[in-house]
């Protein structure tokens, strides 16, 4: 089986940190599939341009590119139907599609200003410069440090935004029900991104969301926990 995955790394090639690449990593593990990791950095756009993308993840299956974490998840589900299902049927796929958008907006969007100035510390100089310039432009010229300055109050609002998820986890161990599925991996990707790049504590230890995250860190023989990260 020829699977290769371009995934975002920083100065340490063994420290993948993109929330979207982690969605894909977890999906591959769920399917019991192994992919060769192809480390990719922010300024290496020429490496994936031939595959029709400027961003990762990019999955190659027999050198055929599949671009975007959601497209990869649906590709894996449709092309490896004999493996454990990521969605549990079309209804589950439809609900995961909605959650994919919520994960982008509420989780990735909510976490970003809380860790943004910590991310360049993980990057080589050229990539750190690119990250700072491009992200500061998104915030109207504010420095990364200015954006992150209010994170001690911002994290309170972020925790409140998880209440719907928290209520579900009080009744079931995973978003997907009794076992994790792609819905869980969508959300987990954002928390793993934060854990790998920043020492900032997003969750209180008595939060059901924290307990859920711990279970996913231990999933697949501790794959995510073994990836270098902070004790948060």
C-alpha atoms as a PDB file:
ATOM      1  CA  UNK A   1       0.000   0.000   0.000  1.00  0.00           C
ATOM      2  CA  UNK A   2       1.536   3.287  -1.085  1.00  0.00           C
ATOM      3  CA  UNK A   3       0.396   6.134   1.163  1.00  0.00           C
ATOM      4  CA  UNK A   4       2.426   9.260   1.837  1.00  0.00           C
ATOM      5  CA  UNK A   5       1.402  12.264   3.922  1.00  0.00           C
ATOM      6  CA  UNK A   6       2.789  15.769   3.666  1.00  0.00           C
ATOM      7  CA  UNK A   7       2.402  17.239   7.149  1.00  0.00           C
ATOM      8  CA  UNK A   8       3.454  20.502   8.747  1.00  0.00           C
ATOM      9  CA  UNK A   9       6.515  20.536  10.993  1.00  0.00           C
ATOM     10  CA  UNK A  10       8.806  23.190  12.391  1.00  0.00           C
ATOM     11  CA  UNK A  11      12.478  23.080  13.264  1.00  0.00           C
ATOM     12  CA  UNK A  12      11.940  19.554  14.630  1.00  0.00           C
ATOM     13  CA  UNK A  13      10.824  17.288  11.796  1.00  0.00           C
ATOM     14  CA  UNK A  14       9.524  14.770  14.354  1.00  0.00           C
ATOM     15  CA  UNK A  15       7.056  17.311  15.813  1.00  0.00           C
ATOM     16  CA  UNK A  16       4.059  17.617  13.430  1.00  0.00           C
ATOM     17  CA  UNK A  17       1.682  20.288  14.638  1.00  0.00           C
ATOM     18  CA  UNK A  18      -1.005  21.261  12.131  1.00  0.00           C
ATOM     19  CA  UNK A  19      -4.535  20.708  13.518  1.00  0.00           C
ATOM     20  CA  UNK A  20      -5.630  19.557  10.081  1.00  0.00           C
ATOM     21  CA  UNK A  21      -2.741  17.130   9.684  1.00  0.00           C
ATOM     22  CA  UNK A  22      -3.608  15.673  13.082  1.00  0.00           C
ATOM     23  CA  UNK A  23      -7.154  15.089  11.899  1.00  0.00           C
ATOM     24  CA  UNK A  24      -5.656  13.064   9.057  1.00  0.00           C
ATOM     25  CA  UNK A  25      -3.146  11.259  11.273  1.00  0.00           C
ATOM     26  CA  UNK A  26      -5.935  10.106  13.555  1.00  0.00           C
ATOM     27  CA  UNK A  27      -8.136   9.102  10.603  1.00  0.00           C
ATOM     28  CA  UNK A  28      -5.356   6.966   9.152  1.00  0.00           C
ATOM     29  CA  UNK A  29      -4.792   5.284  12.515  1.00  0.00           C
ATOM     30  CA  UNK A  30      -8.533   4.648  12.873  1.00  0.00           C
ATOM     31  CA  UNK A  31      -8.495   2.919   9.491  1.00  0.00           C
ATOM     32  CA  UNK A  32      -5.399   0.938  10.459  1.00  0.00           C
ATOM     33  CA  UNK A  33      -3.435   2.512   7.636  1.00  0.00           C
ATOM     34  CA  UNK A  34       0.215   3.519   7.695  1.00  0.00           C
ATOM     35  CA  UNK A  35       1.475   6.465   5.669  1.00  0.00           C
ATOM     36  CA  UNK A  36       5.027   7.612   5.118  1.00  0.00           C
ATOM     37  CA  UNK A  37       5.450  11.038   6.702  1.00  0.00           C
ATOM     38  CA  UNK A  38       6.776  13.753   4.400  1.00  0.00           C
ATOM     39  CA  UNK A  39       7.751  16.688   6.643  1.00  0.00           C
ATOM     40  CA  UNK A  40       6.756  20.062   5.160  1.00  0.00           C
ATOM     41  CA  UNK A  41       7.371  23.622   6.315  1.00  0.00           C
ATOM     42  CA  UNK A  42       5.580  26.907   5.684  1.00  0.00           C
ATOM     43  CA  UNK A  43       8.111  28.157   3.129  1.00  0.00           C
ATOM     44  CA  UNK A  44       8.294  24.905   1.146  1.00  0.00           C
ATOM     45  CA  UNK A  45       5.253  25.602  -1.023  1.00  0.00           C
ATOM     46  CA  UNK A  46       7.052  24.421  -4.159  1.00  0.00           C
ATOM     47  CA  UNK A  47       7.114  20.877  -2.739  1.00  0.00           C
ATOM     48  CA  UNK A  48       3.325  20.535  -2.823  1.00  0.00           C
ATOM     49  CA  UNK A  49       2.506  22.903  -5.687  1.00  0.00           C
ATOM     50  CA  UNK A  50       2.683  20.046  -8.248  1.00  0.00           C
ATOM     51  CA  UNK A  51      -0.089  18.349  -6.248  1.00  0.00           C
ATOM     52  CA  UNK A  52      -2.390  21.349  -6.628  1.00  0.00           C
ATOM     53  CA  UNK A  53      -2.138  22.720  -3.107  1.00  0.00           C
ATOM     54  CA  UNK A  54      -0.485  25.460  -1.083  1.00  0.00           C
ATOM     55  CA  UNK A  55      -1.374  23.906   2.263  1.00  0.00           C
ATOM     56  CA  UNK A  56      -1.135  20.586   4.037  1.00  0.00           C
ATOM     57  CA  UNK A  57      -2.253  17.917   4.608  1.00  0.00           C
ATOM     58  CA  UNK A  58      -1.722  16.399   1.200  1.00  0.00           C
ATOM     59  CA  UNK A  59      -2.135  12.634   0.998  1.00  0.00           C
ATOM     60  CA  UNK A  60      -0.594  10.690  -1.870  1.00  0.00           C
ATOM     61  CA  UNK A  61      -2.138   7.316  -2.661  1.00  0.00           C
ATOM     62  CA  UNK A  62      -0.109   5.607  -5.355  1.00  0.00           C
ATOM     63  CA  UNK A  63       1.094   9.157  -6.140  1.00  0.00           C
ATOM     64  CA  UNK A  64      -2.481  10.419  -6.633  1.00  0.00           C
ATOM     65  CA  UNK A  65      -2.896  13.561  -4.496  1.00  0.00           C
ATOM     66  CA  UNK A  66      -5.830  14.127  -2.163  1.00  0.00           C
ATOM     67  CA  UNK A  67      -5.883  17.651  -0.745  1.00  0.00           C
ATOM     68  CA  UNK A  68      -7.590  18.964   2.435  1.00  0.00           C
ATOM     69  CA  UNK A  69      -8.284  17.023   5.620  1.00  0.00           C
ATOM     70  CA  UNK A  70     -12.018  16.626   4.977  1.00  0.00           C
ATOM     71  CA  UNK A  71     -11.436  15.422   1.423  1.00  0.00           C
ATOM     72  CA  UNK A  72      -8.841  12.971   2.752  1.00  0.00           C
ATOM     73  CA  UNK A  73     -11.262  11.607   5.363  1.00  0.00           C
ATOM     74  CA  UNK A  74     -13.975  10.994   2.793  1.00  0.00           C
ATOM     75  CA  UNK A  75     -11.420   9.497   0.396  1.00  0.00           C
ATOM     76  CA  UNK A  76     -10.208   7.058   3.044  1.00  0.00           C
ATOM     77  CA  UNK A  77     -13.782   6.110   3.912  1.00  0.00           C
ATOM     78  CA  UNK A  78     -14.747   5.479   0.284  1.00  0.00           C
ATOM     79  CA  UNK A  79     -11.556   3.788  -0.868  1.00  0.00           C
ATOM     80  CA  UNK A  80     -10.968   1.562   2.168  1.00  0.00           C
ATOM     81  CA  UNK A  81     -14.526   0.394   2.954  1.00  0.00           C
ATOM     82  CA  UNK A  82     -13.282  -2.858   4.489  1.00  0.00           C
ATOM     83  CA  UNK A  83     -11.526  -0.901   7.247  1.00  0.00           C
ATOM     84  CA  UNK A  84     -13.263   0.553  10.346  1.00  0.00           C
ATOM     85  CA  UNK A  85     -15.656   3.331   9.354  1.00  0.00           C
ATOM     86  CA  UNK A  86     -14.750   6.928  10.154  1.00  0.00           C
ATOM     87  CA  UNK A  87     -18.380   8.050  10.087  1.00  0.00           C
ATOM     88  CA  UNK A  88     -20.619   5.058  10.787  1.00  0.00           C
ATOM     89  CA  UNK A  89     -22.764   5.636   7.710  1.00  0.00           C
ATOM     90  CA  UNK A  90     -24.086   8.529   5.674  1.00  0.00           C
ATOM     91  CA  UNK A  91     -25.880  10.110   8.626  1.00  0.00           C
ATOM     92  CA  UNK A  92     -22.642  10.189  10.555  1.00  0.00           C
ATOM     93  CA  UNK A  93     -20.821  11.634   7.571  1.00  0.00           C
ATOM     94  CA  UNK A  94     -23.413  14.403   7.273  1.00  0.00           C
ATOM     95  CA  UNK A  95     -23.123  15.308  10.956  1.00  0.00           C
ATOM     96  CA  UNK A  96     -19.317  15.217  10.752  1.00  0.00           C
ATOM     97  CA  UNK A  97     -19.476  17.680   7.854  1.00  0.00           C
ATOM     98  CA  UNK A  98     -21.236  20.168  10.116  1.00  0.00           C
ATOM     99  CA  UNK A  99     -18.758  19.469  12.912  1.00  0.00           C
ATOM    100  CA  UNK A 100     -15.888  20.001  10.485  1.00  0.00           C
ATOM    101  CA  UNK A 101     -17.018  23.612  10.081  1.00  0.00           C
ATOM    102  CA  UNK A 102     -17.505  24.004  13.853  1.00  0.00           C
ATOM    103  CA  UNK A 103     -14.013  22.636  14.417  1.00  0.00           C
ATOM    104  CA  UNK A 104     -12.563  25.204  12.025  1.00  0.00           C
ATOM    105  CA  UNK A 105     -14.448  28.150  13.524  1.00  0.00           C
ATOM    106  CA  UNK A 106     -14.838  27.408  17.232  1.00  0.00           C
ATOM    107  CA  UNK A 107     -11.824  25.204  17.945  1.00  0.00           C
ATOM    108  CA  UNK A 108      -9.066  26.267  15.542  1.00  0.00           C
ATOM    109  CA  UNK A 109     -10.379  29.834  15.446  1.00  0.00           C
ATOM    110  CA  UNK A 110     -10.837  29.917  19.205  1.00  0.00           C
ATOM    111  CA  UNK A 111      -7.423  28.473  20.036  1.00  0.00           C
ATOM    112  CA  UNK A 112      -5.409  30.520  17.539  1.00  0.00           C
ATOM    113  CA  UNK A 113      -5.259  33.854  19.426  1.00  0.00           C
ATOM    114  CA  UNK A 114      -4.400  31.976  22.632  1.00  0.00           C
ATOM    115  CA  UNK A 115      -1.228  30.372  21.248  1.00  0.00           C
ATOM    116  CA  UNK A 116      -0.312  32.495  18.229  1.00  0.00           C
ATOM    117  CA  UNK A 117       2.905  34.028  19.617  1.00  0.00           C
ATOM    118  CA  UNK A 118       4.129  30.639  20.852  1.00  0.00           C
ATOM    119  CA  UNK A 119       4.029  29.028  17.413  1.00  0.00           C
ATOM    120  CA  UNK A 120       7.117  30.796  15.938  1.00  0.00           C
ATOM    121  CA  UNK A 121       9.207  29.443  18.804  1.00  0.00           C
ATOM    122  CA  UNK A 122       8.831  26.033  17.161  1.00  0.00           C
ATOM    123  CA  UNK A 123       9.965  27.204  13.713  1.00  0.00           C
ATOM    124  CA  UNK A 124      13.236  27.748  11.926  1.00  0.00           C
ATOM    125  CA  UNK A 125      14.095  31.416  11.365  1.00  0.00           C
ATOM    126  CA  UNK A 126      12.861  31.646   7.779  1.00  0.00           C
ATOM    127  CA  UNK A 127       9.547  29.992   8.619  1.00  0.00           C
ATOM    128  CA  UNK A 128       9.116  32.058  11.784  1.00  0.00           C
ATOM    129  CA  UNK A 129       9.564  35.235   9.751  1.00  0.00           C
ATOM    130  CA  UNK A 130       7.010  34.045   7.186  1.00  0.00           C
ATOM    131  CA  UNK A 131       4.542  33.076   9.897  1.00  0.00           C
ATOM    132  CA  UNK A 132       4.875  36.393  11.712  1.00  0.00           C
ATOM    133  CA  UNK A 133       4.488  38.506   8.583  1.00  0.00           C
ATOM    134  CA  UNK A 134       1.525  36.590   7.168  1.00  0.00           C
ATOM    135  CA  UNK A 135      -0.390  36.214  10.450  1.00  0.00           C
ATOM    136  CA  UNK A 136       0.173  39.764  11.637  1.00  0.00           C
ATOM    137  CA  UNK A 137      -1.302  40.922   8.324  1.00  0.00           C
ATOM    138  CA  UNK A 138      -4.447  38.898   9.134  1.00  0.00           C
ATOM    139  CA  UNK A 139      -4.794  40.801  12.405  1.00  0.00           C
ATOM    140  CA  UNK A 140      -4.552  44.244  10.869  1.00  0.00           C
ATOM    141  CA  UNK A 141      -0.866  44.710  11.590  1.00  0.00           C
ATOM    142  CA  UNK A 142      -1.035  43.825  15.294  1.00  0.00           C
ATOM    143  CA  UNK A 143       1.987  41.933  16.551  1.00  0.00           C
ATOM    144  CA  UNK A 144       1.504  38.303  17.527  1.00  0.00           C
ATOM    145  CA  UNK A 145       2.265  39.292  21.093  1.00  0.00           C
ATOM    146  CA  UNK A 146      -0.464  41.960  21.051  1.00  0.00           C
ATOM    147  CA  UNK A 147      -2.975  39.438  19.731  1.00  0.00           C
ATOM    148  CA  UNK A 148      -2.064  36.975  22.476  1.00  0.00           C
ATOM    149  CA  UNK A 149      -1.808  39.525  25.292  1.00  0.00           C
ATOM    150  CA  UNK A 150      -5.380  38.976  26.505  1.00  0.00           C
ATOM    151  CA  UNK A 151      -5.280  35.182  26.476  1.00  0.00           C
ATOM    152  CA  UNK A 152      -5.767  34.815  30.227  1.00  0.00           C
ATOM    153  CA  UNK A 153      -9.248  36.274  29.819  1.00  0.00           C
ATOM    154  CA  UNK A 154      -9.730  34.897  26.309  1.00  0.00           C
ATOM    155  CA  UNK A 155      -9.330  31.311  27.497  1.00  0.00           C
ATOM    156  CA  UNK A 156     -12.307  31.764  29.830  1.00  0.00           C
ATOM    157  CA  UNK A 157     -14.525  32.558  26.847  1.00  0.00           C
ATOM    158  CA  UNK A 158     -13.007  29.664  24.907  1.00  0.00           C
ATOM    159  CA  UNK A 159     -13.828  27.225  27.701  1.00  0.00           C
ATOM    160  CA  UNK A 160     -17.411  28.501  27.813  1.00  0.00           C
ATOM    161  CA  UNK A 161     -17.707  27.934  24.057  1.00  0.00           C
ATOM    162  CA  UNK A 162     -17.179  24.200  24.662  1.00  0.00           C
ATOM    163  CA  UNK A 163     -20.307  23.799  26.785  1.00  0.00           C
ATOM    164  CA  UNK A 164     -22.360  21.971  24.150  1.00  0.00           C
ATOM    165  CA  UNK A 165     -19.540  19.481  23.684  1.00  0.00           C
ATOM    166  CA  UNK A 166     -19.130  19.222  27.453  1.00  0.00           C
ATOM    167  CA  UNK A 167     -22.796  18.357  27.944  1.00  0.00           C
ATOM    168  CA  UNK A 168     -22.546  15.575  25.369  1.00  0.00           C
ATOM    169  CA  UNK A 169     -19.416  14.150  27.010  1.00  0.00           C
ATOM    170  CA  UNK A 170     -21.217  13.930  30.341  1.00  0.00           C
ATOM    171  CA  UNK A 171     -23.517  11.365  28.709  1.00  0.00           C
ATOM    172  CA  UNK A 172     -21.107   9.501  26.414  1.00  0.00           C
ATOM    173  CA  UNK A 173     -17.331   8.990  26.357  1.00  0.00           C
ATOM    174  CA  UNK A 174     -16.752  10.359  22.850  1.00  0.00           C
ATOM    175  CA  UNK A 175     -18.392  12.738  20.414  1.00  0.00           C
ATOM    176  CA  UNK A 176     -18.903   9.720  18.184  1.00  0.00           C
ATOM    177  CA  UNK A 177     -20.624   7.793  20.993  1.00  0.00           C
ATOM    178  CA  UNK A 178     -19.152   4.765  22.738  1.00  0.00           C
ATOM    179  CA  UNK A 179     -16.012   4.893  20.584  1.00  0.00           C
ATOM    180  CA  UNK A 180     -14.214   7.736  18.787  1.00  0.00           C
ATOM    181  CA  UNK A 181     -14.780   8.479  15.131  1.00  0.00           C
ATOM    182  CA  UNK A 182     -13.885  11.265  12.736  1.00  0.00           C
ATOM    183  CA  UNK A 183     -16.075  13.743  14.632  1.00  0.00           C
ATOM    184  CA  UNK A 184     -13.690  13.333  17.575  1.00  0.00           C
ATOM    185  CA  UNK A 185     -10.607  13.680  15.417  1.00  0.00           C
ATOM    186  CA  UNK A 186     -11.864  16.966  13.945  1.00  0.00           C
ATOM    187  CA  UNK A 187     -11.993  18.544  17.378  1.00  0.00           C
ATOM    188  CA  UNK A 188      -8.967  16.753  18.808  1.00  0.00           C
ATOM    189  CA  UNK A 189      -6.741  18.110  16.040  1.00  0.00           C
ATOM    190  CA  UNK A 190      -7.075  21.613  17.457  1.00  0.00           C
ATOM    191  CA  UNK A 191      -6.188  20.547  20.977  1.00  0.00           C
ATOM    192  CA  UNK A 192      -3.201  18.537  19.787  1.00  0.00           C
ATOM    193  CA  UNK A 193      -1.994  21.544  17.767  1.00  0.00           C
ATOM    194  CA  UNK A 194      -2.031  23.610  20.958  1.00  0.00           C
ATOM    195  CA  UNK A 195      -0.380  20.876  23.019  1.00  0.00           C
ATOM    196  CA  UNK A 196       2.490  20.494  20.550  1.00  0.00           C
ATOM    197  CA  UNK A 197       3.215  24.202  20.092  1.00  0.00           C
ATOM    198  CA  UNK A 198       2.364  25.982  23.345  1.00  0.00           C
ATOM    199  CA  UNK A 199       2.726  25.528  27.122  1.00  0.00           C
ATOM    200  CA  UNK A 200      -0.506  27.477  27.667  1.00  0.00           C
ATOM    201  CA  UNK A 201      -3.189  25.525  29.536  1.00  0.00           C
ATOM    202  CA  UNK A 202      -6.442  25.458  27.586  1.00  0.00           C
ATOM    203  CA  UNK A 203      -8.452  23.140  29.835  1.00  0.00           C
ATOM    204  CA  UNK A 204      -8.946  22.604  33.549  1.00  0.00           C
ATOM    205  CA  UNK A 205      -8.182  19.078  34.759  1.00  0.00           C
ATOM    206  CA  UNK A 206     -11.749  18.526  36.053  1.00  0.00           C
ATOM    207  CA  UNK A 207     -13.317  19.415  32.688  1.00  0.00           C
ATOM    208  CA  UNK A 208     -15.007  16.514  30.834  1.00  0.00           C
ATOM    209  CA  UNK A 209     -13.355  17.870  27.695  1.00  0.00           C
ATOM    210  CA  UNK A 210      -9.962  17.387  29.358  1.00  0.00           C
ATOM    211  CA  UNK A 211     -10.812  13.757  30.172  1.00  0.00           C
ATOM    212  CA  UNK A 212     -11.951  13.241  26.573  1.00  0.00           C
ATOM    213  CA  UNK A 213      -8.704  14.713  25.256  1.00  0.00           C
ATOM    214  CA  UNK A 214      -6.695  12.417  27.539  1.00  0.00           C
ATOM    215  CA  UNK A 215      -8.445   9.362  26.086  1.00  0.00           C
ATOM    216  CA  UNK A 216      -7.608  10.446  22.563  1.00  0.00           C
ATOM    217  CA  UNK A 217      -3.991  11.105  23.515  1.00  0.00           C
ATOM    218  CA  UNK A 218      -3.882   7.464  24.608  1.00  0.00           C
ATOM    219  CA  UNK A 219      -5.699   6.133  21.521  1.00  0.00           C
ATOM    220  CA  UNK A 220      -3.865   3.977  18.999  1.00  0.00           C
ATOM    221  CA  UNK A 221      -1.216   2.955  21.530  1.00  0.00           C
ATOM    222  CA  UNK A 222      -0.613   6.542  22.593  1.00  0.00           C
ATOM    223  CA  UNK A 223       0.274   7.804  19.126  1.00  0.00           C
ATOM    224  CA  UNK A 224      -0.630  11.432  19.867  1.00  0.00           C
ATOM    225  CA  UNK A 225       0.806  11.421  23.383  1.00  0.00           C
ATOM    226  CA  UNK A 226       4.126  10.102  22.103  1.00  0.00           C
ATOM    227  CA  UNK A 227       4.399  13.045  19.736  1.00  0.00           C
ATOM    228  CA  UNK A 228       6.530  15.736  21.408  1.00  0.00           C
ATOM    229  CA  UNK A 229       4.401  18.264  23.253  1.00  0.00           C
ATOM    230  CA  UNK A 230       3.849  20.217  26.448  1.00  0.00           C
ATOM    231  CA  UNK A 231       2.418  18.810  29.684  1.00  0.00           C
ATOM    232  CA  UNK A 232      -0.852  20.718  29.529  1.00  0.00           C
END
